[in-house]
Amino acid sequence: MRYAGVAVAVAGVLVAAGAISYSVAEDGGSGVEPPAAGSADAGFARDMAVHHQQAVEMSYIVRDRTDDEDVRRLAYDIAQTQANQRGMMLGWLDLWGLPKVSSDEPMSWMGMAGMADGKDGALMPGMATNTEMKKLGTLNGKQAEIFYLQLMTDHHQGGIHMAQGCVDKCTVGVEKRLAQGMVDAQRSEIQLMTDMLEERGAAPRP
């Protein structure tokens, strides 16, 4: 089953996440200078925590709107993985003594402030609008599955763009490795979701 391979990859990311959290904690206690508030490391941690939170919310919504086991398993794994990673990133900000919010525009740390207009709740590329989130909560069965898979594909594409920005610009080695893991895992999930959409007579949104 195609899903099994992605599940194994997700499990690997979770194991790596625990090791990364430990490594960052060790670095934080070894006298290494923490990143600055305006650094790519801090900006990525703040922005991706927000981005991940919406994916978690979206995934729990669809689990209540369908009985399809493949979609429910995918949604559960995305929710668990991204909640875990979100907790790590917020923990790093605490460890570094940095605020979890900033007056800087989202993605300004990668020189791309203003890429999303922020209207209707879409603060960063790939994020669903408030209207789309409400719509997801009104659909059931196949309609809910298709709309979720389309929204999450968009969400992953935006997340990959941000994670690649950290790979290119972050200076904390373990954070860069986590970001690369996000890129790899979410690309795999996009392919899986494209296949699942095709099985349902649909396709990713243009």
Protein backbone atom coordinates (compact mmCIF):
# COMPACT_ATOMS: atom_id res chain seq x y z
CA MET A 1 0.00 0.00 0.00
CA ARG A 2 1.39 3.40 -1.02
CA TYR A 3 0.38 4.98 2.27
CA ALA A 4 2.60 2.63 4.29
CA GLY A 5 5.78 4.07 2.80
CA VAL A 6 4.78 7.60 3.73
CA ALA A 7 3.80 6.48 7.23
CA VAL A 8 7.26 4.99 7.72
CA ALA A 9 8.83 8.24 6.51
CA VAL A 10 6.67 10.25 8.91
CA ALA A 11 7.66 7.97 11.78
CA GLY A 12 11.30 8.57 10.88
CA VAL A 13 10.76 12.33 11.00
CA LEU A 14 9.22 12.03 14.47
CA VAL A 15 12.16 10.00 15.76
CA ALA A 16 14.57 12.52 14.27
CA ALA A 17 12.55 15.33 15.81
CA GLY A 18 13.17 13.97 19.29
CA ALA A 19 16.88 13.72 18.63
CA ILE A 20 16.91 17.26 17.23
CA SER A 21 15.13 18.65 20.29
CA TYR A 22 17.72 17.02 22.53
CA SER A 23 20.60 18.31 20.41
CA VAL A 24 19.30 21.88 20.45
CA ALA A 25 18.84 21.70 24.21
CA GLU A 26 22.41 20.48 24.56
CA ASP A 27 23.66 23.31 22.34
CA GLY A 28 21.67 25.82 24.37
CA GLY A 29 23.48 24.75 27.49
CA SER A 30 26.98 24.75 26.04
CA GLY A 31 27.56 28.49 25.85
CA VAL A 32 26.79 28.74 22.13
CA GLU A 33 25.37 32.16 21.27
CA PRO A 34 21.63 31.79 20.53
CA PRO A 35 20.14 33.21 17.32
CA ALA A 36 18.97 36.83 17.29
CA ALA A 37 15.28 37.73 17.30
CA GLY A 38 15.47 38.87 13.68
CA SER A 39 17.43 35.86 12.45
CA ALA A 40 16.23 33.31 9.92
CA ASP A 41 16.34 30.67 12.67
CA ALA A 42 13.91 32.59 14.87
CA GLY A 43 11.75 33.77 11.98
CA PHE A 44 11.36 30.26 10.61
CA ALA A 45 10.49 28.84 14.02
CA ARG A 46 7.83 31.52 14.60
CA ASP A 47 6.28 31.39 11.13
CA MET A 48 6.32 27.64 10.71
CA ALA A 49 4.71 27.18 14.12
CA VAL A 50 1.76 29.26 12.87
CA HIS A 51 1.71 27.46 9.52
CA HIS A 52 1.77 24.05 11.22
CA GLN A 53 -1.05 24.95 13.62
CA GLN A 54 -3.47 25.41 10.73
CA ALA A 55 -2.50 22.03 9.25
CA VAL A 56 -3.26 20.42 12.61
CA GLU A 57 -6.66 22.12 12.78
CA MET A 58 -7.50 21.19 9.18
CA SER A 59 -6.57 17.56 9.78
CA TYR A 60 -8.75 17.18 12.84
CA ILE A 61 -11.68 18.78 11.00
CA VAL A 62 -11.57 16.25 8.16
CA ARG A 63 -11.26 13.30 10.55
CA ASP A 64 -14.73 14.21 11.81
CA ARG A 65 -16.15 14.62 8.29
CA THR A 66 -15.26 11.28 6.66
CA ASP A 67 -15.16 7.57 7.41
CA ASP A 68 -12.47 6.88 4.79
CA GLU A 69 -9.64 5.16 6.64
CA ASP A 70 -6.85 6.26 4.28
CA VAL A 71 -7.77 9.93 4.61
CA ARG A 72 -8.27 9.61 8.36
CA ARG A 73 -4.85 7.97 8.80
CA LEU A 74 -3.13 10.57 6.64
CA ALA A 75 -4.83 13.40 8.53
CA TYR A 76 -3.91 11.88 11.89
CA ASP A 77 -0.25 11.47 10.92
CA ILE A 78 -0.04 15.02 9.54
CA ALA A 79 -1.64 16.38 12.72
CA GLN A 80 0.66 14.43 15.02
CA THR A 81 3.84 15.18 13.06
CA GLN A 82 3.16 18.88 12.71
CA ALA A 83 1.99 19.30 16.30
CA ASN A 84 5.22 17.64 17.45
CA GLN A 85 7.35 19.87 15.23
CA ARG A 86 5.40 22.96 16.29
CA GLY A 87 6.09 22.18 19.94
CA MET A 88 9.79 21.79 19.17
CA MET A 89 10.00 25.14 17.40
CA LEU A 90 8.20 26.98 20.17
CA GLY A 91 10.48 25.22 22.66
CA TRP A 92 13.55 26.42 20.79
CA LEU A 93 12.31 30.01 20.98
CA ASP A 94 11.93 29.58 24.75
CA LEU A 95 15.40 28.03 24.95
CA TRP A 96 16.85 30.95 23.00
CA GLY A 97 15.00 33.50 25.16
CA LEU A 98 13.14 34.88 22.14
CA PRO A 99 9.49 35.94 21.76
CA LYS A 100 7.03 33.65 19.99
CA VAL A 101 5.48 36.59 18.14
CA SER A 102 7.06 39.43 16.21
CA SER A 103 6.00 42.73 14.69
CA ASP A 104 7.89 41.72 11.53
CA GLU A 105 5.75 40.59 8.60
CA PRO A 106 5.59 36.83 8.02
CA MET A 107 8.46 35.54 5.89
CA SER A 108 10.44 38.77 6.23
CA TRP A 109 13.31 36.60 7.53
CA MET A 110 13.63 35.12 4.04
CA GLY A 111 13.24 38.47 2.28
CA MET A 112 9.69 37.73 1.16
CA ALA A 113 7.48 39.88 3.36
CA GLY A 114 4.12 40.56 1.77
CA MET A 115 3.98 37.34 -0.29
CA ALA A 116 0.56 36.71 1.23
CA ASP A 117 -1.80 39.62 1.79
CA GLY A 118 -3.11 38.18 5.06
CA LYS A 119 -6.71 38.71 4.01
CA ASP A 120 -9.26 36.29 5.42
CA GLY A 121 -6.64 34.63 7.63
CA ALA A 122 -4.17 33.47 4.95
CA LEU A 123 -1.04 34.86 6.61
CA MET A 124 1.50 32.94 4.51
CA PRO A 125 1.59 31.18 1.11
CA GLY A 126 -0.30 27.90 1.12
CA MET A 127 -2.44 28.74 4.13
CA ALA A 128 -6.19 28.27 3.79
CA THR A 129 -8.44 31.28 4.28
CA ASN A 130 -10.92 31.47 7.14
CA THR A 131 -13.69 30.99 4.56
CA GLU A 132 -12.06 27.80 3.28
CA MET A 133 -11.63 26.44 6.79
CA LYS A 134 -15.32 27.07 7.51
CA LYS A 135 -16.29 25.40 4.23
CA LEU A 136 -14.24 22.30 5.12
CA GLY A 137 -16.24 22.05 8.32
CA THR A 138 -19.51 21.90 6.37
CA LEU A 139 -18.58 19.12 3.93
CA ASN A 140 -18.91 15.39 4.41
CA GLY A 141 -17.59 12.20 2.84
CA LYS A 142 -15.96 12.40 -0.57
CA GLN A 143 -16.46 16.17 -0.85
CA ALA A 144 -14.65 16.72 2.46
CA GLU A 145 -11.86 14.35 1.43
CA ILE A 146 -11.25 16.12 -1.90
CA PHE A 147 -11.33 19.61 -0.42
CA TYR A 148 -8.99 18.61 2.43
CA LEU A 149 -6.51 16.97 0.06
CA GLN A 150 -6.54 20.06 -2.16
CA LEU A 151 -6.11 22.45 0.77
CA MET A 152 -3.35 20.35 2.32
CA THR A 153 -1.51 20.07 -0.99
CA ASP A 154 -1.49 23.89 -1.22
CA HIS A 155 -0.46 24.05 2.44
CA HIS A 156 2.46 21.66 1.93
CA GLN A 157 3.64 23.57 -1.15
CA GLY A 158 3.80 26.75 0.93
CA GLY A 159 5.45 24.88 3.79
CA ILE A 160 8.11 23.42 1.49
CA HIS A 161 8.93 26.90 0.21
CA MET A 162 9.42 28.17 3.77
CA ALA A 163 11.36 25.11 4.92
CA GLN A 164 13.71 25.41 1.96
CA GLY A 165 14.26 29.03 3.00
CA CYS A 166 15.48 27.77 6.38
CA VAL A 167 17.69 25.15 4.74
CA ASP A 168 19.29 27.99 2.78
CA LYS A 169 19.41 30.68 5.49
CA CYS A 170 19.27 29.18 9.00
CA THR A 171 22.51 28.82 10.95
CA VAL A 172 21.51 26.29 13.65
CA GLY A 173 22.52 22.97 12.14
CA VAL A 174 19.82 20.83 13.74
CA GLU A 175 17.12 23.30 12.68
CA LYS A 176 18.38 23.18 9.10
CA ARG A 177 18.19 19.39 9.21
CA LEU A 178 14.64 19.48 10.55
CA ALA A 179 13.70 21.89 7.76
CA GLN A 180 15.20 19.53 5.16
CA GLY A 181 13.21 16.69 6.71
CA MET A 182 10.04 18.77 6.28
CA VAL A 183 10.86 19.35 2.62
CA ASP A 184 11.41 15.65 1.97
CA ALA A 185 8.38 14.39 3.92
CA GLN A 186 5.95 16.94 2.54
CA ARG A 187 7.03 16.30 -1.05
CA SER A 188 6.25 12.61 -0.47
CA GLU A 189 2.87 13.48 1.01
CA ILE A 190 2.04 15.76 -1.93
CA GLN A 191 2.58 12.84 -4.30
CA LEU A 192 0.42 10.62 -2.11
CA MET A 193 -2.34 13.24 -1.96
CA THR A 194 -2.20 13.73 -5.74
CA ASP A 195 -2.77 9.98 -6.15
CA MET A 196 -5.61 10.03 -3.60
CA LEU A 197 -7.26 12.94 -5.44
CA GLU A 198 -6.99 11.07 -8.74
CA GLU A 199 -8.70 8.05 -7.15
CA ARG A 200 -11.56 10.40 -6.29
CA GLY A 201 -11.80 11.90 -9.78
CA ALA A 202 -10.16 15.16 -8.75
CA ALA A 203 -6.80 16.92 -8.92
CA PRO A 204 -4.76 19.51 -6.98
CA ARG A 205 -5.96 23.06 -7.48
CA PRO A 206 -4.13 25.06 -10.18
